[in-house]
PDB file of N, CA and C in Angstrom:
ATOM      1  N   MET A   1     -47.763 -10.337 179.229  1.00  0.00           N
ATOM      2  CA  MET A   1     -47.606 -10.935 180.550  1.00  0.00           C
ATOM      3  C   MET A   1     -48.429 -12.237 180.539  1.00  0.00           C
ATOM      4  N   GLU A   2     -47.885 -13.358 180.732  1.00  0.00           N
ATOM      5  CA  GLU A   2     -48.555 -14.488 180.861  1.00  0.00           C
ATOM      6  C   GLU A   2     -48.982 -14.666 182.414  1.00  0.00           C
ATOM      7  N   GLU A   3     -50.275 -15.145 182.434  1.00  0.00           N
ATOM      8  CA  GLU A   3     -50.738 -15.272 183.946  1.00  0.00           C
ATOM      9  C   GLU A   3     -50.984 -16.776 183.962  1.00  0.00           C
ATOM     10  N   LYS A   4     -50.803 -17.374 185.227  1.00  0.00           N
ATOM     11  CA  LYS A   4     -51.084 -18.744 185.577  1.00  0.00           C
ATOM     12  C   LYS A   4     -51.962 -18.782 186.848  1.00  0.00           C
ATOM     13  N   GLN A   5     -53.099 -19.417 186.888  1.00  0.00           N
ATOM     14  CA  GLN A   5     -53.817 -19.512 188.015  1.00  0.00           C
ATOM     15  C   GLN A   5     -53.130 -20.293 189.140  1.00  0.00           C
ATOM     16  N   ILE A   6     -53.023 -19.736 190.226  1.00  0.00           N
ATOM     17  CA  ILE A   6     -52.319 -20.454 191.428  1.00  0.00           C
ATOM     18  C   ILE A   6     -53.149 -20.628 192.600  1.00  0.00           C
ATOM     19  N   GLY A   7     -54.440 -20.143 192.407  1.00  0.00           N
ATOM     20  CA  GLY A   7     -55.338 -20.526 193.573  1.00  0.00           C
ATOM     21  C   GLY A   7     -56.594 -19.891 193.545  1.00  0.00           C
ATOM     22  N   ALA A   8     -57.414 -19.832 194.741  1.00  0.00           N
ATOM     23  CA  ALA A   8     -58.745 -19.234 194.727  1.00  0.00           C
ATOM     24  C   ALA A   8     -58.846 -18.696 196.169  1.00  0.00           C
ATOM     25  N   VAL A   9     -59.696 -17.564 196.265  1.00  0.00           N
ATOM     26  CA  VAL A   9     -59.999 -16.886 197.462  1.00  0.00           C
ATOM     27  C   VAL A   9     -60.923 -17.845 198.263  1.00  0.00           C
ATOM     28  N   ASP A  10     -60.524 -18.261 199.548  1.00  0.00           N
ATOM     29  CA  ASP A  10     -61.227 -19.012 200.321  1.00  0.00           C
ATOM     30  C   ASP A  10     -62.150 -18.147 201.438  1.00  0.00           C
ATOM     31  N   HIS A  11     -61.618 -17.077 201.753  1.00  0.00           N
ATOM     32  CA  HIS A  11     -62.367 -16.226 202.934  1.00  0.00           C
ATOM     33  C   HIS A  11     -61.745 -14.917 202.714  1.00  0.00           C
ATOM     34  N   PHE A  12     -62.562 -13.831 203.149  1.00  0.00           N
ATOM     35  CA  PHE A  12     -62.031 -12.558 203.205  1.00  0.00           C
ATOM     36  C   PHE A  12     -62.469 -11.679 204.532  1.00  0.00           C
ATOM     37  N   PHE A  13     -61.582 -11.226 205.199  1.00  0.00           N
ATOM     38  CA  PHE A  13     -61.809 -10.503 206.411  1.00  0.00           C
ATOM     39  C   PHE A  13     -61.816  -8.965 206.000  1.00  0.00           C
ATOM     40  N   GLY A  14     -63.081  -8.427 205.880  1.00  0.00           N
ATOM     41  CA  GLY A  14     -63.122  -7.099 205.476  1.00  0.00           C
ATOM     42  C   GLY A  14     -62.778  -6.082 206.329  1.00  0.00           C
ATOM     43  N   ASN A  15     -62.777  -6.404 207.689  1.00  0.00           N
ATOM     44  CA  ASN A  15     -62.393  -5.288 208.673  1.00  0.00           C
ATOM     45  C   ASN A  15     -60.871  -5.137 208.745  1.00  0.00           C
ATOM     46  N   ILE A  16     -60.164  -6.045 208.342  1.00  0.00           N
ATOM     47  CA  ILE A  16     -58.671  -5.969 208.403  1.00  0.00           C
ATOM     48  C   ILE A  16     -58.034  -6.049 206.769  1.00  0.00           C
ATOM     49  N   SER A  17     -58.935  -6.329 205.871  1.00  0.00           N
ATOM     50  CA  SER A  17     -58.534  -6.486 204.533  1.00  0.00           C
ATOM     51  C   SER A  17     -57.466  -7.568 204.110  1.00  0.00           C
ATOM     52  N   VAL A  18     -57.797  -8.662 204.820  1.00  0.00           N
ATOM     53  CA  VAL A  18     -56.996  -9.864 204.595  1.00  0.00           C
ATOM     54  C   VAL A  18     -57.715 -11.048 203.883  1.00  0.00           C
ATOM     55  N   SER A  19     -57.132 -11.454 203.088  1.00  0.00           N
ATOM     56  CA  SER A  19     -57.638 -12.558 202.085  1.00  0.00           C
ATOM     57  C   SER A  19     -57.037 -13.928 202.470  1.00  0.00           C
ATOM     58  N   MET A  20     -57.859 -14.934 202.789  1.00  0.00           N
ATOM     59  CA  MET A  20     -57.301 -16.362 202.862  1.00  0.00           C
ATOM     60  C   MET A  20     -57.358 -16.898 201.439  1.00  0.00           C
ATOM     61  N   ILE A  21     -56.203 -17.528 200.910  1.00  0.00           N
ATOM     62  CA  ILE A  21     -56.119 -18.017 199.614  1.00  0.00           C
ATOM     63  C   ILE A  21     -55.595 -19.531 199.706  1.00  0.00           C
ATOM     64  N   LYS A  22     -56.377 -20.370 199.071  1.00  0.00           N
ATOM     65  CA  LYS A  22     -56.096 -21.733 198.892  1.00  0.00           C
ATOM     66  C   LYS A  22     -55.195 -21.869 197.715  1.00  0.00           C
ATOM     67  N   LEU A  23     -53.951 -22.448 197.706  1.00  0.00           N
ATOM     68  CA  LEU A  23     -53.055 -22.402 196.613  1.00  0.00           C
ATOM     69  C   LEU A  23     -53.095 -23.682 195.969  1.00  0.00           C
ATOM     70  N   THR A  24     -52.995 -23.672 194.567  1.00  0.00           N
ATOM     71  CA  THR A  24     -52.695 -24.758 193.729  1.00  0.00           C
ATOM     72  C   THR A  24     -51.407 -24.840 193.199  1.00  0.00           C
ATOM     73  N   ASP A  25     -50.560 -23.845 193.488  1.00  0.00           N
ATOM     74  CA  ASP A  25     -49.173 -23.699 192.916  1.00  0.00           C
ATOM     75  C   ASP A  25     -48.372 -22.865 193.987  1.00  0.00           C
ATOM     76  N   ALA A  26     -47.152 -22.754 193.800  1.00  0.00           N
ATOM     77  CA  ALA A  26     -46.221 -21.996 194.692  1.00  0.00           C
ATOM     78  C   ALA A  26     -46.380 -20.503 194.613  1.00  0.00           C
ATOM     79  N   LEU A  27     -46.152 -19.756 195.578  1.00  0.00           N
ATOM     80  CA  LEU A  27     -46.073 -18.383 195.731  1.00  0.00           C
ATOM     81  C   LEU A  27     -45.174 -17.786 196.717  1.00  0.00           C
ATOM     82  N   ARG A  28     -44.377 -16.823 196.370  1.00  0.00           N
ATOM     83  CA  ARG A  28     -43.423 -16.202 197.299  1.00  0.00           C
ATOM     84  C   ARG A  28     -43.583 -14.734 197.420  1.00  0.00           C
ATOM     85  N   ILE A  29     -42.956 -14.258 198.523  1.00  0.00           N
ATOM     86  CA  ILE A  29     -42.908 -12.781 198.710  1.00  0.00           C
ATOM     87  C   ILE A  29     -42.219 -12.106 197.513  1.00  0.00           C
ATOM     88  N   GLY A  30     -42.877 -10.962 196.969  1.00  0.00           N
ATOM     89  CA  GLY A  30     -42.288 -10.347 195.869  1.00  0.00           C
ATOM     90  C   GLY A  30     -43.040 -10.607 194.514  1.00  0.00           C
ATOM     91  N   ASP A  31     -43.700 -11.828 194.538  1.00  0.00           N
ATOM     92  CA  ASP A  31     -44.496 -12.137 193.356  1.00  0.00           C
ATOM     93  C   ASP A  31     -45.623 -11.170 193.124  1.00  0.00           C
ATOM     94  N   ARG A  32     -45.955 -10.900 191.793  1.00  0.00           N
ATOM     95  CA  ARG A  32     -46.958 -10.105 191.519  1.00  0.00           C
ATOM     96  C   ARG A  32     -48.388 -11.034 191.251  1.00  0.00           C
ATOM     97  N   ILE A  33     -49.568 -10.694 191.795  1.00  0.00           N
ATOM     98  CA  ILE A  33     -50.631 -11.449 191.586  1.00  0.00           C
ATOM     99  C   ILE A  33     -51.670 -10.706 190.975  1.00  0.00           C
ATOM    100  N   HIS A  34     -52.720 -11.288 190.369  1.00  0.00           N
ATOM    101  CA  HIS A  34     -53.927 -10.733 189.708  1.00  0.00           C
ATOM    102  C   HIS A  34     -55.159 -11.388 190.292  1.00  0.00           C
ATOM    103  N   ILE A  35     -55.913 -10.730 190.914  1.00  0.00           N
ATOM    104  CA  ILE A  35     -57.130 -11.449 191.571  1.00  0.00           C
ATOM    105  C   ILE A  35     -58.338 -10.894 190.692  1.00  0.00           C
ATOM    106  N   LYS A  36     -59.084 -11.898 190.242  1.00  0.00           N
ATOM    107  CA  LYS A  36     -60.179 -11.630 189.339  1.00  0.00           C
ATOM    108  C   LYS A  36     -61.462 -12.470 189.642  1.00  0.00           C
ATOM    109  N   GLY A  37     -62.467 -11.775 189.731  1.00  0.00           N
ATOM    110  CA  GLY A  37     -63.797 -12.400 189.960  1.00  0.00           C
ATOM    111  C   GLY A  37     -64.986 -11.660 189.347  1.00  0.00           C
ATOM    112  N   SER A  38     -66.243 -11.960 189.654  1.00  0.00           N
ATOM    113  CA  SER A  38     -67.306 -11.397 189.104  1.00  0.00           C
ATOM    114  C   SER A  38     -67.188  -9.768 189.212  1.00  0.00           C
ATOM    115  N   THR A  39     -66.842  -9.369 190.371  1.00  0.00           N
ATOM    116  CA  THR A  39     -66.692  -7.905 190.673  1.00  0.00           C
ATOM    117  C   THR A  39     -65.315  -7.410 190.974  1.00  0.00           C
ATOM    118  N   SER A  40     -64.360  -8.382 191.268  1.00  0.00           N
ATOM    119  CA  SER A  40     -63.009  -8.038 191.643  1.00  0.00           C
ATOM    120  C   SER A  40     -62.180  -8.062 190.282  1.00  0.00           C
ATOM    121  N   ASP A  41     -61.250  -7.182 190.105  1.00  0.00           N
ATOM    122  CA  ASP A  41     -60.214  -7.213 189.050  1.00  0.00           C
ATOM    123  C   ASP A  41     -59.030  -6.210 189.444  1.00  0.00           C
ATOM    124  N   PHE A  42     -58.016  -6.749 190.051  1.00  0.00           N
ATOM    125  CA  PHE A  42     -56.919  -5.830 190.277  1.00  0.00           C
ATOM    126  C   PHE A  42     -55.538  -6.724 190.412  1.00  0.00           C
ATOM    127  N   MET A  43     -54.432  -5.971 190.400  1.00  0.00           N
ATOM    128  CA  MET A  43     -53.183  -6.550 190.548  1.00  0.00           C
ATOM    129  C   MET A  43     -52.502  -5.880 191.659  1.00  0.00           C
ATOM    130  N   GLN A  44     -51.563  -6.765 192.499  1.00  0.00           N
ATOM    131  CA  GLN A  44     -50.796  -6.242 193.564  1.00  0.00           C
ATOM    132  C   GLN A  44     -49.485  -7.203 193.731  1.00  0.00           C
ATOM    133  N   ASP A  45     -48.635  -6.494 194.540  1.00  0.00           N
ATOM    134  CA  ASP A  45     -47.386  -7.295 194.762  1.00  0.00           C
ATOM    135  C   ASP A  45     -47.597  -8.030 195.999  1.00  0.00           C
ATOM    136  N   VAL A  46     -47.161  -9.138 196.198  1.00  0.00           N
ATOM    137  CA  VAL A  46     -47.232  -9.913 197.565  1.00  0.00           C
ATOM    138  C   VAL A  46     -46.207  -9.284 198.514  1.00  0.00           C
ATOM    139  N   SER A  47     -46.462  -8.507 199.423  1.00  0.00           N
ATOM    140  CA  SER A  47     -45.490  -7.990 200.353  1.00  0.00           C
ATOM    141  C   SER A  47     -45.253  -8.799 201.644  1.00  0.00           C
ATOM    142  N   SER A  48     -46.224  -9.531 202.034  1.00  0.00           N
ATOM    143  CA  SER A  48     -46.044 -10.357 203.233  1.00  0.00           C
ATOM    144  C   SER A  48     -47.247 -11.374 203.139  1.00  0.00           C
ATOM    145  N   MET A  49     -47.020 -12.611 203.762  1.00  0.00           N
ATOM    146  CA  MET A  49     -47.934 -13.691 203.900  1.00  0.00           C
ATOM    147  C   MET A  49     -47.783 -14.423 205.132  1.00  0.00           C
ATOM    148  N   GLN A  50     -48.787 -15.138 205.443  1.00  0.00           N
ATOM    149  CA  GLN A  50     -48.823 -15.956 206.644  1.00  0.00           C
ATOM    150  C   GLN A  50     -49.261 -17.385 206.430  1.00  0.00           C
ATOM    151  N   ILE A  51     -48.761 -18.287 207.006  1.00  0.00           N
ATOM    152  CA  ILE A  51     -49.478 -19.660 206.961  1.00  0.00           C
ATOM    153  C   ILE A  51     -49.718 -19.979 208.417  1.00  0.00           C
ATOM    154  N   ASP A  52     -50.989 -20.317 208.673  1.00  0.00           N
ATOM    155  CA  ASP A  52     -51.334 -20.615 210.158  1.00  0.00           C
ATOM    156  C   ASP A  52     -50.860 -19.594 211.061  1.00  0.00           C
ATOM    157  N   ARG A  53     -51.055 -18.186 210.613  1.00  0.00           N
ATOM    158  CA  ARG A  53     -50.674 -17.067 211.438  1.00  0.00           C
ATOM    159  C   ARG A  53     -49.192 -16.931 211.747  1.00  0.00           C
ATOM    160  N   VAL A  54     -48.388 -17.681 211.010  1.00  0.00           N
ATOM    161  CA  VAL A  54     -46.906 -17.599 211.072  1.00  0.00           C
ATOM    162  C   VAL A  54     -46.399 -16.886 209.865  1.00  0.00           C
ATOM    163  N   PRO A  55     -45.547 -15.758 209.909  1.00  0.00           N
ATOM    164  CA  PRO A  55     -45.104 -15.198 208.768  1.00  0.00           C
ATOM    165  C   PRO A  55     -44.152 -16.246 207.855  1.00  0.00           C
ATOM    166  N   ALA A  56     -44.316 -16.163 206.480  1.00  0.00           N
ATOM    167  CA  ALA A  56     -43.809 -17.110 205.709  1.00  0.00           C
ATOM    168  C   ALA A  56     -43.080 -16.233 204.442  1.00  0.00           C
ATOM    169  N   GLN A  57     -41.994 -16.713 203.834  1.00  0.00           N
ATOM    170  CA  GLN A  57     -41.477 -16.209 202.740  1.00  0.00           C
ATOM    171  C   GLN A  57     -41.957 -16.709 201.418  1.00  0.00           C
ATOM    172  N   GLU A  58     -42.330 -18.068 201.540  1.00  0.00           N
ATOM    173  CA  GLU A  58     -42.910 -18.696 200.491  1.00  0.00           C
ATOM    174  C   GLU A  58     -43.877 -19.831 200.748  1.00  0.00           C
ATOM    175  N   ALA A  59     -44.823 -20.132 199.887  1.00  0.00           N
ATOM    176  CA  ALA A  59     -45.858 -21.295 200.125  1.00  0.00           C
ATOM    177  C   ALA A  59     -45.932 -22.256 199.105  1.00  0.00           C
ATOM    178  N   LYS A  60     -46.474 -23.341 199.248  1.00  0.00           N
ATOM    179  CA  LYS A  60     -46.576 -24.254 198.131  1.00  0.00           C
ATOM    180  C   LYS A  60     -47.950 -24.781 197.843  1.00  0.00           C
ATOM    181  N   ALA A  61     -48.143 -25.477 196.847  1.00  0.00           N
ATOM    182  CA  ALA A  61     -49.474 -26.005 196.474  1.00  0.00           C
ATOM    183  C   ALA A  61     -50.126 -26.711 197.827  1.00  0.00           C
ATOM    184  N   GLY A  62     -51.433 -26.405 197.993  1.00  0.00           N
ATOM    185  CA  GLY A  62     -52.028 -27.020 199.158  1.00  0.00           C
ATOM    186  C   GLY A  62     -52.155 -26.167 200.356  1.00  0.00           C
ATOM    187  N   ASP A  63     -51.204 -25.135 200.367  1.00  0.00           N
ATOM    188  CA  ASP A  63     -51.231 -24.207 201.645  1.00  0.00           C
ATOM    189  C   ASP A  63     -52.414 -23.264 201.535  1.00  0.00           C
ATOM    190  N   LEU A  64     -52.917 -22.934 202.592  1.00  0.00           N
ATOM    191  CA  LEU A  64     -53.913 -21.980 202.894  1.00  0.00           C
ATOM    192  C   LEU A  64     -53.271 -20.747 203.525  1.00  0.00           C
ATOM    193  N   ILE A  65     -53.041 -19.676 202.649  1.00  0.00           N
ATOM    194  CA  ILE A  65     -52.250 -18.506 203.211  1.00  0.00           C
ATOM    195  C   ILE A  65     -53.080 -17.340 203.374  1.00  0.00           C
ATOM    196  N   SER A  66     -52.606 -16.387 204.141  1.00  0.00           N
ATOM    197  CA  SER A  66     -53.343 -15.133 204.472  1.00  0.00           C
ATOM    198  C   SER A  66     -52.458 -14.050 203.910  1.00  0.00           C
ATOM    199  N   ILE A  67     -53.032 -13.162 203.098  1.00  0.00           N
ATOM    200  CA  ILE A  67     -52.339 -11.972 202.660  1.00  0.00           C
ATOM    201  C   ILE A  67     -53.218 -10.672 202.758  1.00  0.00           C
ATOM    202  N   LYS A  68     -52.508  -9.639 202.986  1.00  0.00           N
ATOM    203  CA  LYS A  68     -53.271  -8.286 202.886  1.00  0.00           C
ATOM    204  C   LYS A  68     -53.613  -7.889 201.512  1.00  0.00           C
ATOM    205  N   VAL A  69     -54.801  -7.636 201.126  1.00  0.00           N
ATOM    206  CA  VAL A  69     -55.217  -7.177 199.974  1.00  0.00           C
ATOM    207  C   VAL A  69     -55.495  -5.702 199.738  1.00  0.00           C
ATOM    208  N   GLU A  70     -55.474  -4.989 198.697  1.00  0.00           N
ATOM    209  CA  GLU A  70     -55.746  -3.812 198.626  1.00  0.00           C
ATOM    210  C   GLU A  70     -57.192  -3.487 198.254  1.00  0.00           C
ATOM    211  N   GLN A  71     -57.903  -4.412 197.873  1.00  0.00           N
ATOM    212  CA  GLN A  71     -59.388  -4.225 197.539  1.00  0.00           C
ATOM    213  C   GLN A  71     -60.116  -5.407 198.025  1.00  0.00           C
ATOM    214  N   LYS A  72     -61.438  -5.276 198.095  1.00  0.00           N
ATOM    215  CA  LYS A  72     -62.338  -6.238 198.488  1.00  0.00           C
ATOM    216  C   LYS A  72     -62.298  -7.515 197.550  1.00  0.00           C
ATOM    217  N   VAL A  73     -62.221  -8.660 198.065  1.00  0.00           N
ATOM    218  CA  VAL A  73     -62.191  -9.879 197.368  1.00  0.00           C
ATOM    219  C   VAL A  73     -63.449 -10.731 197.740  1.00  0.00           C
ATOM    220  N   ARG A  74     -63.850 -11.544 196.978  1.00  0.00           N
ATOM    221  CA  ARG A  74     -65.007 -12.582 197.335  1.00  0.00           C
ATOM    222  C   ARG A  74     -64.532 -13.995 197.276  1.00  0.00           C
ATOM    223  N   LYS A  75     -65.204 -14.868 197.895  1.00  0.00           N
ATOM    224  CA  LYS A  75     -64.939 -16.321 197.854  1.00  0.00           C
ATOM    225  C   LYS A  75     -65.021 -16.837 196.472  1.00  0.00           C
ATOM    226  N   ASP A  76     -63.995 -17.653 196.129  1.00  0.00           N
ATOM    227  CA  ASP A  76     -63.750 -18.256 194.774  1.00  0.00           C
ATOM    228  C   ASP A  76     -63.342 -17.382 193.800  1.00  0.00           C
ATOM    229  N   ASP A  77     -62.972 -16.075 194.050  1.00  0.00           N
ATOM    230  CA  ASP A  77     -62.166 -15.164 193.063  1.00  0.00           C
ATOM    231  C   ASP A  77     -60.930 -15.938 192.695  1.00  0.00           C
ATOM    232  N   ALA A  78     -60.625 -15.984 191.428  1.00  0.00           N
ATOM    233  CA  ALA A  78     -59.444 -16.617 190.986  1.00  0.00           C
ATOM    234  C   ALA A  78     -58.182 -15.809 191.244  1.00  0.00           C
ATOM    235  N   VAL A  79     -57.035 -16.461 191.683  1.00  0.00           N
ATOM    236  CA  VAL A  79     -55.898 -15.781 191.845  1.00  0.00           C
ATOM    237  C   VAL A  79     -54.827 -16.209 191.015  1.00  0.00           C
ATOM    238  N   TYR A  80     -54.137 -15.281 190.110  1.00  0.00           N
ATOM    239  CA  TYR A  80     -53.262 -15.632 189.148  1.00  0.00           C
ATOM    240  C   TYR A  80     -51.839 -15.040 189.567  1.00  0.00           C
ATOM    241  N   LYS A  81     -50.795 -15.730 189.112  1.00  0.00           N
ATOM    242  CA  LYS A  81     -49.464 -15.227 189.252  1.00  0.00           C
ATOM    243  C   LYS A  81     -49.096 -14.547 187.939  1.00  0.00           C
ATOM    244  N   ILE A  82     -48.510 -13.490 187.986  1.00  0.00           N
ATOM    245  CA  ILE A  82     -48.129 -12.773 186.726  1.00  0.00           C
ATOM    246  C   ILE A  82     -46.643 -12.934 186.413  1.00  0.00           C
TER     247      ILE A  82
END
């Protein structure tokens, strides 16, 4: 499986397990991502995302998106698309 970095974690809301991710490439619902950092390392499918609190099916480079994550992430963790 080839992985391509598509962004980085900008903020994490621990009480609701939501991560804000600043994208450098496109991402859409159904894509599989890998989040990796100094203490984070897991994969998950993107089942929903929001841009400015509005549900979205896809996002482009430069967008700041919110997604529900399965584990704790930290600022500047790398986000890869698988």
